[in-house]
């Protein structure tokens, strides 16, 4: 059993990184995937933002290789590996899932985000830049992407809000996470995030009260 977790992590890292080369590209849900088509919804980031995947893929590969080579039997690394492996295993098939079903894409990316967050929180302090950092970046992006998927899918089914409303919801949720992550150690960062939420809420109220154009 020794080293199997490291081997599994390396194997699924490889399959996760290779998946875009063997799966049809995904650039948002197609018109035929949602009852109310979401073409370039406000909640979806600009195309250039997705270039961060190059960094994520490269860093995960470096982490997996180092872990297999130097931390194969590390109990600290092993505590987080099952969560990371589960995330990467689902991620290997996520592009295919997203091209087939908006609902299942949303469900699975939330599961991936939860697993990645769990891996980041259980990562050891040792080798921070070779394990915790790349996993934390993966978790951060998946958290954002999961709400992009939720916003697009929910708006596509006419739930709660339109696409612009879901963009607001996603941003406010992200800032709430920043507040939670920085209290009580970084109160100034938390305060800035809180101020951002307050400003956005005021903007939403003003826009809703503004008379509709004739």
N, C-alpha and C. Protein backbone atom coordinates (compact mmCIF):
# COMPACT_ATOMS: atom_id res chain seq x y z
N UNK A 1 0.81 -1.21 0.00
CA UNK A 1 0.00 0.00 0.00
C UNK A 1 0.85 1.27 0.00
N UNK A 2 2.11 1.12 0.42
CA UNK A 2 2.98 2.29 0.53
C UNK A 2 3.14 2.98 -0.81
N UNK A 3 2.88 4.28 -0.81
CA UNK A 3 3.09 5.07 -2.02
C UNK A 3 1.93 5.05 -3.00
N UNK A 4 0.87 4.28 -2.74
CA UNK A 4 -0.24 4.20 -3.69
C UNK A 4 -0.97 5.53 -3.84
N UNK A 5 -1.08 6.28 -2.75
CA UNK A 5 -1.75 7.58 -2.83
C UNK A 5 -0.97 8.54 -3.72
N UNK A 6 0.36 8.50 -3.61
CA UNK A 6 1.19 9.35 -4.44
C UNK A 6 1.08 8.95 -5.91
N UNK A 7 1.04 7.64 -6.16
CA UNK A 7 0.91 7.15 -7.53
C UNK A 7 -0.44 7.55 -8.12
N UNK A 8 -1.51 7.40 -7.32
CA UNK A 8 -2.84 7.77 -7.79
C UNK A 8 -2.93 9.26 -8.10
N UNK A 9 -2.34 10.07 -7.22
CA UNK A 9 -2.36 11.52 -7.44
C UNK A 9 -1.63 11.87 -8.73
N UNK A 10 -0.48 11.27 -8.95
CA UNK A 10 0.29 11.54 -10.17
C UNK A 10 -0.47 11.08 -11.40
N UNK A 11 -1.11 9.91 -11.31
CA UNK A 11 -1.83 9.38 -12.47
C UNK A 11 -3.01 10.26 -12.85
N UNK A 12 -3.77 10.70 -11.85
CA UNK A 12 -4.93 11.53 -12.15
C UNK A 12 -4.54 12.97 -12.48
N UNK A 13 -3.40 13.41 -11.98
CA UNK A 13 -2.89 14.70 -12.44
C UNK A 13 -2.60 14.65 -13.93
N UNK A 14 -1.97 13.55 -14.36
CA UNK A 14 -1.66 13.38 -15.79
C UNK A 14 -2.94 13.33 -16.63
N UNK A 15 -3.94 12.58 -16.17
CA UNK A 15 -5.18 12.48 -16.95
C UNK A 15 -5.94 13.81 -16.97
N UNK A 16 -5.89 14.53 -15.86
CA UNK A 16 -6.56 15.83 -15.77
C UNK A 16 -5.93 16.83 -16.73
N UNK A 17 -4.62 16.87 -16.74
CA UNK A 17 -3.91 17.81 -17.61
C UNK A 17 -4.07 17.43 -19.08
N UNK A 18 -4.17 16.13 -19.35
CA UNK A 18 -4.28 15.67 -20.74
C UNK A 18 -5.69 15.80 -21.30
N UNK A 19 -6.70 15.91 -20.42
CA UNK A 19 -8.09 15.87 -20.87
C UNK A 19 -8.45 16.93 -21.92
N UNK A 20 -7.94 18.18 -21.85
CA UNK A 20 -8.30 19.15 -22.89
C UNK A 20 -7.82 18.76 -24.28
N UNK A 21 -6.81 17.89 -24.35
CA UNK A 21 -6.27 17.50 -25.65
C UNK A 21 -7.06 16.37 -26.30
N UNK A 22 -7.91 15.71 -25.53
CA UNK A 22 -8.67 14.57 -26.06
C UNK A 22 -10.18 14.79 -25.96
N UNK A 23 -10.60 15.96 -25.49
CA UNK A 23 -12.02 16.27 -25.32
C UNK A 23 -12.34 17.53 -26.10
N UNK A 24 -13.56 17.60 -26.63
CA UNK A 24 -13.97 18.80 -27.35
C UNK A 24 -13.88 20.02 -26.44
N UNK A 25 -13.41 21.15 -26.96
CA UNK A 25 -13.26 22.34 -26.11
C UNK A 25 -14.61 22.82 -25.58
N UNK A 26 -14.55 23.49 -24.44
CA UNK A 26 -15.76 24.03 -23.81
C UNK A 26 -15.56 25.52 -23.57
N UNK A 27 -16.45 26.33 -24.12
CA UNK A 27 -16.34 27.79 -23.94
C UNK A 27 -17.67 28.38 -23.47
N UNK A 28 -18.40 27.61 -22.72
CA UNK A 28 -19.71 28.05 -22.25
C UNK A 28 -20.79 27.11 -22.77
N UNK A 29 -21.94 27.12 -22.09
CA UNK A 29 -23.01 26.21 -22.49
C UNK A 29 -23.63 26.64 -23.82
N UNK A 30 -23.88 25.67 -24.67
CA UNK A 30 -24.46 25.93 -25.98
C UNK A 30 -25.94 26.34 -25.85
N UNK A 31 -26.47 26.91 -26.92
CA UNK A 31 -27.86 27.36 -26.91
C UNK A 31 -28.82 26.21 -26.63
N UNK A 32 -28.49 25.02 -27.14
CA UNK A 32 -29.42 23.90 -26.99
C UNK A 32 -29.30 23.20 -25.64
N UNK A 33 -28.43 23.69 -24.74
CA UNK A 33 -28.28 23.05 -23.44
C UNK A 33 -29.16 23.67 -22.36
N UNK A 34 -29.75 24.82 -22.64
CA UNK A 34 -30.56 25.52 -21.63
C UNK A 34 -31.86 26.02 -22.26
N UNK A 35 -32.96 25.99 -21.52
CA UNK A 35 -34.22 26.51 -22.07
C UNK A 35 -34.14 27.98 -22.46
N UNK A 36 -33.42 28.77 -21.65
CA UNK A 36 -33.18 30.18 -21.97
C UNK A 36 -31.69 30.31 -22.28
N UNK A 37 -31.31 30.30 -23.55
CA UNK A 37 -29.89 30.29 -23.92
C UNK A 37 -29.13 31.44 -23.27
N UNK A 38 -27.93 31.13 -22.77
CA UNK A 38 -27.07 32.13 -22.12
C UNK A 38 -25.85 32.36 -23.00
N UNK A 39 -25.94 33.34 -23.86
CA UNK A 39 -24.85 33.65 -24.78
C UNK A 39 -24.00 34.75 -24.16
N UNK A 40 -22.76 34.42 -23.80
CA UNK A 40 -21.85 35.37 -23.17
C UNK A 40 -22.51 36.05 -21.97
N UNK A 41 -22.96 35.30 -20.97
CA UNK A 41 -23.64 35.89 -19.81
C UNK A 41 -22.69 36.76 -18.98
N UNK A 42 -23.21 37.75 -18.25
CA UNK A 42 -22.36 38.64 -17.46
C UNK A 42 -21.54 37.91 -16.40
N UNK A 43 -22.03 36.77 -15.90
CA UNK A 43 -21.32 36.04 -14.86
C UNK A 43 -20.08 35.33 -15.38
N UNK A 44 -19.97 35.19 -16.70
CA UNK A 44 -18.84 34.45 -17.28
C UNK A 44 -17.64 35.37 -17.46
N UNK A 45 -16.45 34.98 -16.98
CA UNK A 45 -15.25 35.83 -17.13
C UNK A 45 -14.84 36.00 -18.59
N UNK A 46 -14.03 37.02 -18.84
CA UNK A 46 -13.48 37.21 -20.18
C UNK A 46 -12.59 36.03 -20.54
N UNK A 47 -12.48 35.77 -21.83
CA UNK A 47 -11.73 34.61 -22.30
C UNK A 47 -10.31 34.54 -21.78
N UNK A 48 -9.64 35.71 -21.67
CA UNK A 48 -8.23 35.70 -21.25
C UNK A 48 -8.06 35.19 -19.81
N UNK A 49 -9.15 35.30 -19.00
CA UNK A 49 -9.03 34.86 -17.60
C UNK A 49 -8.77 33.36 -17.50
N UNK A 50 -9.20 32.61 -18.52
CA UNK A 50 -9.02 31.16 -18.49
C UNK A 50 -7.58 30.73 -18.73
N UNK A 51 -6.72 31.69 -19.10
CA UNK A 51 -5.31 31.35 -19.31
C UNK A 51 -4.63 30.92 -18.01
N UNK A 52 -5.29 31.19 -16.86
CA UNK A 52 -4.72 30.75 -15.59
C UNK A 52 -4.61 29.24 -15.52
N UNK A 53 -5.37 28.53 -16.37
CA UNK A 53 -5.28 27.07 -16.36
C UNK A 53 -3.89 26.60 -16.74
N UNK A 54 -3.17 27.38 -17.57
CA UNK A 54 -1.79 27.00 -17.90
C UNK A 54 -0.93 26.93 -16.65
N UNK A 55 -1.07 27.93 -15.77
CA UNK A 55 -0.34 27.94 -14.51
C UNK A 55 -0.78 26.79 -13.61
N UNK A 56 -2.09 26.59 -13.52
CA UNK A 56 -2.61 25.52 -12.65
C UNK A 56 -2.11 24.16 -13.10
N UNK A 57 -2.21 23.88 -14.39
CA UNK A 57 -1.76 22.58 -14.91
C UNK A 57 -0.27 22.37 -14.64
N UNK A 58 0.53 23.38 -14.97
CA UNK A 58 1.98 23.24 -14.81
C UNK A 58 2.36 23.02 -13.35
N UNK A 59 1.75 23.78 -12.46
CA UNK A 59 2.08 23.69 -11.04
C UNK A 59 1.64 22.35 -10.45
N UNK A 60 0.48 21.86 -10.89
CA UNK A 60 0.02 20.56 -10.41
C UNK A 60 0.95 19.44 -10.86
N UNK A 61 1.46 19.55 -12.09
CA UNK A 61 2.40 18.54 -12.59
C UNK A 61 3.69 18.55 -11.78
N UNK A 62 4.23 19.75 -11.52
CA UNK A 62 5.44 19.86 -10.70
C UNK A 62 5.19 19.26 -9.32
N UNK A 63 4.03 19.57 -8.74
CA UNK A 63 3.69 19.05 -7.42
C UNK A 63 3.61 17.52 -7.42
N UNK A 64 2.94 16.97 -8.44
CA UNK A 64 2.77 15.52 -8.50
C UNK A 64 4.10 14.80 -8.69
N UNK A 65 4.95 15.35 -9.53
CA UNK A 65 6.26 14.73 -9.78
C UNK A 65 7.12 14.79 -8.52
N UNK A 66 7.15 15.95 -7.87
CA UNK A 66 7.91 16.08 -6.64
C UNK A 66 7.37 15.15 -5.56
N UNK A 67 6.04 15.10 -5.45
CA UNK A 67 5.43 14.24 -4.44
C UNK A 67 5.75 12.78 -4.65
N UNK A 68 5.74 12.35 -5.91
CA UNK A 68 6.05 10.96 -6.22
C UNK A 68 7.53 10.65 -6.00
N UNK A 69 8.36 11.64 -6.24
CA UNK A 69 9.81 11.45 -6.16
C UNK A 69 10.34 11.61 -4.73
N UNK A 70 9.88 12.66 -4.04
CA UNK A 70 10.45 13.00 -2.74
C UNK A 70 9.49 12.82 -1.55
N UNK A 71 8.20 12.77 -1.80
CA UNK A 71 7.24 12.68 -0.69
C UNK A 71 6.28 11.52 -0.91
N UNK A 72 6.79 10.45 -1.46
CA UNK A 72 5.96 9.29 -1.81
C UNK A 72 5.24 8.71 -0.59
N UNK A 73 5.91 8.66 0.55
CA UNK A 73 5.33 8.06 1.75
C UNK A 73 5.07 9.08 2.85
N UNK A 74 4.96 10.33 2.49
CA UNK A 74 4.76 11.39 3.48
C UNK A 74 3.34 11.33 4.05
N UNK A 75 3.23 11.21 5.36
CA UNK A 75 1.91 11.17 5.99
C UNK A 75 1.19 12.51 5.84
N UNK A 76 1.97 13.60 5.85
CA UNK A 76 1.38 14.92 5.69
C UNK A 76 0.74 15.08 4.31
N UNK A 77 1.46 14.69 3.27
CA UNK A 77 0.92 14.76 1.92
C UNK A 77 -0.23 13.77 1.75
N UNK A 78 -0.11 12.60 2.36
CA UNK A 78 -1.14 11.57 2.20
C UNK A 78 -2.48 12.00 2.78
N UNK A 79 -2.47 12.87 3.80
CA UNK A 79 -3.73 13.32 4.41
C UNK A 79 -4.58 14.09 3.41
N UNK A 80 -3.94 14.80 2.50
CA UNK A 80 -4.67 15.62 1.53
C UNK A 80 -4.85 14.94 0.18
N UNK A 81 -4.04 13.95 -0.12
CA UNK A 81 -4.04 13.33 -1.45
C UNK A 81 -5.38 12.73 -1.87
N UNK A 82 -6.12 12.02 -1.00
CA UNK A 82 -7.39 11.44 -1.47
C UNK A 82 -8.38 12.50 -1.98
N UNK A 83 -8.41 13.65 -1.33
CA UNK A 83 -9.31 14.72 -1.75
C UNK A 83 -8.87 15.30 -3.09
N UNK A 84 -7.57 15.52 -3.23
CA UNK A 84 -7.06 16.05 -4.49
C UNK A 84 -7.27 15.04 -5.62
N UNK A 85 -7.00 13.77 -5.34
CA UNK A 85 -7.18 12.74 -6.35
C UNK A 85 -8.63 12.65 -6.80
N UNK A 86 -9.57 12.74 -5.84
CA UNK A 86 -10.98 12.72 -6.20
C UNK A 86 -11.36 13.89 -7.09
N UNK A 87 -10.83 15.07 -6.76
CA UNK A 87 -11.09 16.26 -7.57
C UNK A 87 -10.57 16.08 -8.99
N UNK A 88 -9.35 15.60 -9.11
CA UNK A 88 -8.73 15.43 -10.42
C UNK A 88 -9.40 14.32 -11.23
N UNK A 89 -9.87 13.29 -10.53
CA UNK A 89 -10.55 12.19 -11.23
C UNK A 89 -11.84 12.69 -11.88
N UNK A 90 -12.61 13.48 -11.14
CA UNK A 90 -13.82 14.07 -11.71
C UNK A 90 -13.45 15.07 -12.80
N UNK A 91 -12.40 15.86 -12.54
CA UNK A 91 -11.97 16.87 -13.50
C UNK A 91 -11.53 16.29 -14.82
N UNK A 92 -11.04 15.08 -14.81
CA UNK A 92 -10.62 14.42 -16.05
C UNK A 92 -11.78 14.32 -17.03
N UNK A 93 -12.99 14.16 -16.50
CA UNK A 93 -14.16 13.98 -17.36
C UNK A 93 -15.05 15.21 -17.41
N UNK A 94 -14.63 16.30 -16.75
CA UNK A 94 -15.54 17.43 -16.62
C UNK A 94 -15.85 18.10 -17.96
N UNK A 95 -14.90 18.25 -18.83
CA UNK A 95 -15.16 18.89 -20.11
C UNK A 95 -16.21 18.11 -20.90
N UNK A 96 -16.10 16.79 -20.88
CA UNK A 96 -17.09 15.97 -21.57
C UNK A 96 -18.46 16.12 -20.92
N UNK A 97 -18.49 16.18 -19.59
CA UNK A 97 -19.75 16.37 -18.87
C UNK A 97 -20.37 17.71 -19.23
N UNK A 98 -19.55 18.77 -19.24
CA UNK A 98 -20.04 20.11 -19.53
C UNK A 98 -20.59 20.23 -20.94
N UNK A 99 -20.00 19.52 -21.86
CA UNK A 99 -20.49 19.53 -23.24
C UNK A 99 -21.79 18.75 -23.40
N UNK A 100 -22.10 17.91 -22.40
CA UNK A 100 -23.30 17.08 -22.49
C UNK A 100 -24.46 17.62 -21.66
N UNK A 101 -24.18 18.20 -20.47
CA UNK A 101 -25.26 18.60 -19.56
C UNK A 101 -24.83 19.76 -18.69
N UNK A 102 -25.58 20.85 -18.75
CA UNK A 102 -25.29 22.02 -17.89
C UNK A 102 -25.53 21.69 -16.42
N UNK A 103 -26.59 20.94 -16.15
CA UNK A 103 -26.92 20.61 -14.76
C UNK A 103 -25.83 19.74 -14.13
N UNK A 104 -25.45 18.67 -14.83
CA UNK A 104 -24.42 17.79 -14.28
C UNK A 104 -23.06 18.47 -14.23
N UNK A 105 -22.80 19.38 -15.15
CA UNK A 105 -21.55 20.14 -15.10
C UNK A 105 -21.50 20.98 -13.84
N UNK A 106 -22.64 21.58 -13.47
CA UNK A 106 -22.70 22.41 -12.27
C UNK A 106 -22.54 21.56 -11.01
N UNK A 107 -23.23 20.43 -10.97
CA UNK A 107 -23.13 19.53 -9.80
C UNK A 107 -21.70 19.06 -9.61
N UNK A 108 -21.08 18.61 -10.69
CA UNK A 108 -19.73 18.02 -10.57
C UNK A 108 -18.67 19.07 -10.27
N UNK A 109 -18.82 20.28 -10.79
CA UNK A 109 -17.78 21.27 -10.50
C UNK A 109 -17.87 21.74 -9.06
N UNK A 110 -19.07 21.71 -8.47
CA UNK A 110 -19.18 22.02 -7.04
C UNK A 110 -18.51 20.93 -6.22
N UNK A 111 -18.69 19.67 -6.62
CA UNK A 111 -18.02 18.58 -5.91
C UNK A 111 -16.50 18.73 -6.02
N UNK A 112 -16.03 19.07 -7.22
CA UNK A 112 -14.59 19.30 -7.41
C UNK A 112 -14.08 20.41 -6.51
N UNK A 113 -14.85 21.51 -6.43
CA UNK A 113 -14.42 22.65 -5.59
C UNK A 113 -14.34 22.24 -4.13
N UNK A 114 -15.34 21.50 -3.65
CA UNK A 114 -15.33 21.06 -2.25
C UNK A 114 -14.14 20.16 -1.97
N UNK A 115 -13.86 19.24 -2.87
CA UNK A 115 -12.72 18.34 -2.68
C UNK A 115 -11.39 19.11 -2.72
N UNK A 116 -11.28 20.07 -3.63
CA UNK A 116 -10.05 20.86 -3.73
C UNK A 116 -9.85 21.71 -2.48
N UNK A 117 -10.93 22.28 -1.96
CA UNK A 117 -10.83 23.07 -0.73
C UNK A 117 -10.40 22.18 0.43
N UNK A 118 -10.98 20.98 0.51
CA UNK A 118 -10.59 20.04 1.56
C UNK A 118 -9.11 19.68 1.45
N UNK A 119 -8.64 19.45 0.23
CA UNK A 119 -7.22 19.12 0.02
C UNK A 119 -6.33 20.28 0.46
N UNK A 120 -6.73 21.50 0.12
CA UNK A 120 -5.93 22.67 0.49
C UNK A 120 -5.86 22.86 2.01
N UNK A 121 -6.99 22.62 2.69
CA UNK A 121 -7.00 22.81 4.13
C UNK A 121 -6.23 21.72 4.87
N UNK A 122 -6.14 20.53 4.27
CA UNK A 122 -5.42 19.43 4.91
C UNK A 122 -3.96 19.33 4.47
N UNK A 123 -3.56 20.19 3.53
CA UNK A 123 -2.17 20.15 3.04
C UNK A 123 -1.22 20.52 4.17
N UNK A 124 -0.07 19.86 4.24
CA UNK A 124 0.89 20.14 5.31
C UNK A 124 1.59 21.48 5.12
N UNK A 125 2.09 22.03 6.22
CA UNK A 125 2.87 23.26 6.13
C UNK A 125 4.19 23.05 5.41
N UNK A 126 4.69 21.82 5.47
CA UNK A 126 5.93 21.48 4.77
C UNK A 126 5.69 21.56 3.26
N UNK A 127 6.68 22.03 2.54
CA UNK A 127 6.60 22.11 1.07
C UNK A 127 5.39 22.92 0.62
N UNK A 128 5.16 24.01 1.28
CA UNK A 128 3.97 24.80 1.00
C UNK A 128 3.84 25.16 -0.48
N UNK A 129 4.95 25.57 -1.08
CA UNK A 129 4.89 26.02 -2.47
C UNK A 129 4.85 24.87 -3.46
N UNK A 130 5.05 23.66 -2.97
CA UNK A 130 5.02 22.51 -3.87
C UNK A 130 3.76 21.66 -3.70
N UNK A 131 2.92 22.01 -2.72
CA UNK A 131 1.67 21.27 -2.57
C UNK A 131 0.50 22.21 -2.26
N UNK A 132 0.57 22.88 -1.15
CA UNK A 132 -0.56 23.71 -0.73
C UNK A 132 -0.87 24.82 -1.73
N UNK A 133 0.17 25.49 -2.24
CA UNK A 133 -0.06 26.62 -3.14
C UNK A 133 -0.77 26.23 -4.43
N UNK A 134 -0.29 25.22 -5.18
CA UNK A 134 -1.01 24.87 -6.40
C UNK A 134 -2.42 24.35 -6.14
N UNK A 135 -2.61 23.62 -5.05
CA UNK A 135 -3.94 23.11 -4.72
C UNK A 135 -4.87 24.26 -4.33
N UNK A 136 -4.33 25.24 -3.61
CA UNK A 136 -5.14 26.40 -3.22
C UNK A 136 -5.57 27.21 -4.44
N UNK A 137 -4.68 27.36 -5.41
CA UNK A 137 -5.04 28.08 -6.63
C UNK A 137 -6.12 27.31 -7.39
N UNK A 138 -5.96 26.00 -7.47
CA UNK A 138 -7.00 25.16 -8.09
C UNK A 138 -8.33 25.33 -7.37
N UNK A 139 -8.30 25.29 -6.05
CA UNK A 139 -9.53 25.43 -5.27
C UNK A 139 -10.17 26.80 -5.49
N UNK A 140 -9.35 27.84 -5.53
CA UNK A 140 -9.88 29.19 -5.74
C UNK A 140 -10.56 29.33 -7.08
N UNK A 141 -9.92 28.82 -8.13
CA UNK A 141 -10.51 28.94 -9.46
C UNK A 141 -11.78 28.09 -9.56
N UNK A 142 -11.76 26.88 -8.99
CA UNK A 142 -12.95 26.03 -9.05
C UNK A 142 -14.11 26.65 -8.28
N UNK A 143 -13.81 27.33 -7.18
CA UNK A 143 -14.86 28.01 -6.43
C UNK A 143 -15.52 29.08 -7.29
N UNK A 144 -14.69 29.87 -7.98
CA UNK A 144 -15.24 30.89 -8.87
C UNK A 144 -15.99 30.25 -10.03
N UNK A 145 -15.40 29.23 -10.64
CA UNK A 145 -16.00 28.58 -11.81
C UNK A 145 -17.31 27.89 -11.46
N UNK A 146 -17.40 27.36 -10.24
CA UNK A 146 -18.63 26.67 -9.85
C UNK A 146 -19.80 27.65 -9.82
N UNK A 147 -19.55 28.89 -9.37
CA UNK A 147 -20.64 29.86 -9.34
C UNK A 147 -20.91 30.46 -10.71
N UNK A 148 -19.92 30.47 -11.57
CA UNK A 148 -20.18 30.83 -12.97
C UNK A 148 -21.13 29.81 -13.59
N UNK A 149 -20.84 28.54 -13.34
CA UNK A 149 -21.68 27.47 -13.87
C UNK A 149 -23.09 27.53 -13.27
N UNK A 150 -23.16 27.75 -11.95
CA UNK A 150 -24.46 27.86 -11.29
C UNK A 150 -25.25 29.04 -11.84
N UNK A 151 -24.59 30.18 -11.97
CA UNK A 151 -25.27 31.37 -12.46
C UNK A 151 -25.80 31.19 -13.87
N UNK A 152 -24.98 30.61 -14.75
CA UNK A 152 -25.40 30.40 -16.13
C UNK A 152 -26.55 29.40 -16.21
N UNK A 153 -26.44 28.31 -15.43
CA UNK A 153 -27.47 27.27 -15.48
C UNK A 153 -28.77 27.76 -14.86
N UNK A 154 -28.68 28.41 -13.69
CA UNK A 154 -29.89 28.89 -13.03
C UNK A 154 -30.60 29.94 -13.88
N UNK A 155 -29.83 30.87 -14.46
CA UNK A 155 -30.43 31.88 -15.33
C UNK A 155 -31.03 31.21 -16.57
N UNK A 156 -30.36 30.15 -17.05
CA UNK A 156 -30.85 29.43 -18.22
C UNK A 156 -32.17 28.73 -17.97
N UNK A 157 -32.47 28.44 -16.71
CA UNK A 157 -33.76 27.84 -16.35
C UNK A 157 -34.72 28.85 -15.72
N UNK A 158 -34.30 30.13 -15.71
CA UNK A 158 -35.16 31.18 -15.20
C UNK A 158 -35.36 31.14 -13.70
N UNK A 159 -34.35 30.67 -12.96
CA UNK A 159 -34.47 30.53 -11.51
C UNK A 159 -33.94 31.76 -10.77
N UNK A 160 -34.71 32.31 -9.90
CA UNK A 160 -34.35 33.38 -8.94
C UNK A 160 -34.02 34.70 -9.63
N UNK A 161 -33.06 34.68 -10.55
CA UNK A 161 -32.61 35.93 -11.15
C UNK A 161 -32.22 35.70 -12.60
N UNK A 162 -32.05 36.81 -13.34
CA UNK A 162 -31.56 36.68 -14.69
C UNK A 162 -30.04 36.56 -14.66
N UNK A 163 -29.40 36.54 -15.83
CA UNK A 163 -27.95 36.34 -15.88
C UNK A 163 -27.20 37.46 -15.18
N UNK A 164 -27.69 38.71 -15.27
CA UNK A 164 -27.03 39.82 -14.58
C UNK A 164 -27.16 39.66 -13.06
N UNK A 165 -28.34 39.25 -12.61
CA UNK A 165 -28.54 39.03 -11.18
C UNK A 165 -27.62 37.97 -10.63
N UNK A 166 -27.43 36.89 -11.39
CA UNK A 166 -26.54 35.83 -10.93
C UNK A 166 -25.09 36.29 -10.93
N UNK A 167 -24.74 37.22 -11.81
CA UNK A 167 -23.39 37.78 -11.78
C UNK A 167 -23.17 38.53 -10.47
N UNK A 168 -24.17 39.31 -10.04
CA UNK A 168 -24.08 40.00 -8.76
C UNK A 168 -23.95 39.00 -7.62
N UNK A 169 -24.78 37.96 -7.65
CA UNK A 169 -24.76 36.95 -6.59
C UNK A 169 -23.38 36.29 -6.49
N UNK A 170 -22.79 35.96 -7.64
CA UNK A 170 -21.48 35.31 -7.65
C UNK A 170 -20.41 36.19 -7.04
N UNK A 171 -20.45 37.49 -7.39
CA UNK A 171 -19.44 38.41 -6.88
C UNK A 171 -19.60 38.60 -5.37
N UNK A 172 -20.83 38.77 -4.92
CA UNK A 172 -21.07 38.95 -3.48
C UNK A 172 -20.66 37.71 -2.71
N UNK A 173 -20.93 36.52 -3.26
CA UNK A 173 -20.52 35.27 -2.60
C UNK A 173 -18.99 35.21 -2.49
N UNK A 174 -18.30 35.58 -3.58
CA UNK A 174 -16.83 35.55 -3.56
C UNK A 174 -16.27 36.49 -2.50
N UNK A 175 -16.83 37.69 -2.42
CA UNK A 175 -16.36 38.65 -1.40
C UNK A 175 -16.69 38.16 0.00
N UNK A 176 -17.82 37.48 0.18
CA UNK A 176 -18.15 36.91 1.48
C UNK A 176 -17.11 35.87 1.89
N UNK A 177 -16.65 35.09 0.91
CA UNK A 177 -15.60 34.11 1.19
C UNK A 177 -14.31 34.78 1.61
N UNK A 178 -14.00 35.93 1.01
CA UNK A 178 -12.80 36.68 1.39
C UNK A 178 -12.91 37.16 2.83
N UNK A 179 -14.10 37.63 3.20
CA UNK A 179 -14.32 38.08 4.58
C UNK A 179 -14.09 36.92 5.55
N UNK A 180 -14.71 35.78 5.25
CA UNK A 180 -14.59 34.61 6.13
C UNK A 180 -13.15 34.15 6.26
N UNK A 181 -12.40 34.22 5.16
CA UNK A 181 -11.03 33.72 5.16
C UNK A 181 -10.07 34.65 5.92
N UNK A 182 -10.43 35.93 6.02
CA UNK A 182 -9.49 36.89 6.59
C UNK A 182 -9.83 37.37 8.01
N UNK A 183 -10.97 36.95 8.52
CA UNK A 183 -11.28 37.27 9.91
C UNK A 183 -10.79 36.16 10.82
N UNK A 184 -10.18 36.47 11.97
CA UNK A 184 -9.92 37.83 12.49
C UNK A 184 -8.50 38.31 12.21
N UNK A 185 -7.70 37.52 11.48
CA UNK A 185 -6.27 37.85 11.34
C UNK A 185 -6.00 39.05 10.44
N UNK A 186 -6.82 39.23 9.41
CA UNK A 186 -6.60 40.34 8.47
C UNK A 186 -7.86 41.19 8.40
N UNK A 187 -8.16 41.94 9.44
CA UNK A 187 -9.43 42.69 9.48
C UNK A 187 -9.55 43.75 8.39
N UNK A 188 -8.42 44.31 7.95
CA UNK A 188 -8.49 45.35 6.92
C UNK A 188 -8.92 44.76 5.58
N UNK A 189 -8.39 43.59 5.26
CA UNK A 189 -8.80 42.92 4.01
C UNK A 189 -10.29 42.57 4.08
N UNK A 190 -10.71 42.04 5.22
CA UNK A 190 -12.12 41.70 5.40
C UNK A 190 -13.00 42.94 5.28
N UNK A 191 -12.52 44.06 5.85
CA UNK A 191 -13.30 45.31 5.79
C UNK A 191 -13.44 45.81 4.36
N UNK A 192 -12.38 45.69 3.58
CA UNK A 192 -12.45 46.11 2.18
C UNK A 192 -13.45 45.26 1.40
N UNK A 193 -13.41 43.94 1.65
CA UNK A 193 -14.37 43.06 0.99
C UNK A 193 -15.80 43.41 1.41
N UNK A 194 -15.98 43.70 2.71
CA UNK A 194 -17.30 44.10 3.20
C UNK A 194 -17.77 45.39 2.56
N UNK A 195 -16.84 46.33 2.38
CA UNK A 195 -17.18 47.59 1.73
C UNK A 195 -17.60 47.35 0.28
N UNK A 196 -16.92 46.40 -0.36
CA UNK A 196 -17.27 46.06 -1.74
C UNK A 196 -18.69 45.52 -1.84
N UNK A 197 -19.06 44.66 -0.88
CA UNK A 197 -20.42 44.13 -0.86
C UNK A 197 -21.43 45.25 -0.64
N UNK A 198 -21.13 46.13 0.32
CA UNK A 198 -22.05 47.23 0.62
C UNK A 198 -22.26 48.13 -0.60
N UNK A 199 -21.19 48.44 -1.31
CA UNK A 199 -21.28 49.28 -2.51
C UNK A 199 -22.14 48.60 -3.58
N UNK A 200 -21.91 47.29 -3.77
CA UNK A 200 -22.67 46.58 -4.80
C UNK A 200 -24.15 46.50 -4.44
N UNK A 201 -24.45 46.29 -3.17
CA UNK A 201 -25.85 46.26 -2.75
C UNK A 201 -26.51 47.61 -3.01
N UNK A 202 -25.80 48.71 -2.71
CA UNK A 202 -26.36 50.04 -2.96
C UNK A 202 -26.59 50.27 -4.45
N UNK A 203 -25.65 49.81 -5.27
CA UNK A 203 -25.80 49.95 -6.72
C UNK A 203 -27.02 49.18 -7.20
N UNK A 204 -27.19 47.95 -6.69
CA UNK A 204 -28.34 47.13 -7.08
C UNK A 204 -29.64 47.83 -6.71
N UNK A 205 -29.71 48.37 -5.49
CA UNK A 205 -30.92 49.07 -5.04
C UNK A 205 -31.21 50.26 -5.93
N UNK A 206 -30.18 51.06 -6.24
CA UNK A 206 -30.36 52.25 -7.09
C UNK A 206 -30.85 51.84 -8.48
N UNK A 207 -30.24 50.80 -9.04
CA UNK A 207 -30.63 50.38 -10.39
C UNK A 207 -32.06 49.86 -10.41
N UNK A 208 -32.47 49.17 -9.35
CA UNK A 208 -33.84 48.63 -9.31
C UNK A 208 -34.88 49.73 -9.12
N UNK A 209 -34.47 50.82 -8.45
CA UNK A 209 -35.41 51.92 -8.23
C UNK A 209 -35.46 52.90 -9.39
N UNK A 210 -34.44 52.82 -10.24
CA UNK A 210 -34.39 53.75 -11.38
C UNK A 210 -35.55 53.45 -12.34
N UNK A 211 -36.19 54.52 -12.87
CA UNK A 211 -37.31 54.29 -13.80
C UNK A 211 -36.84 53.62 -15.08
N UNK A 212 -37.66 52.75 -15.60
CA UNK A 212 -37.32 52.06 -16.85
C UNK A 212 -37.30 53.06 -17.99
N UNK A 213 -36.39 52.90 -18.96
CA UNK A 213 -36.33 53.83 -20.09
C UNK A 213 -37.60 53.76 -20.91
N UNK A 214 -38.02 54.91 -21.39
CA UNK A 214 -39.26 54.98 -22.16
C UNK A 214 -39.11 54.29 -23.50
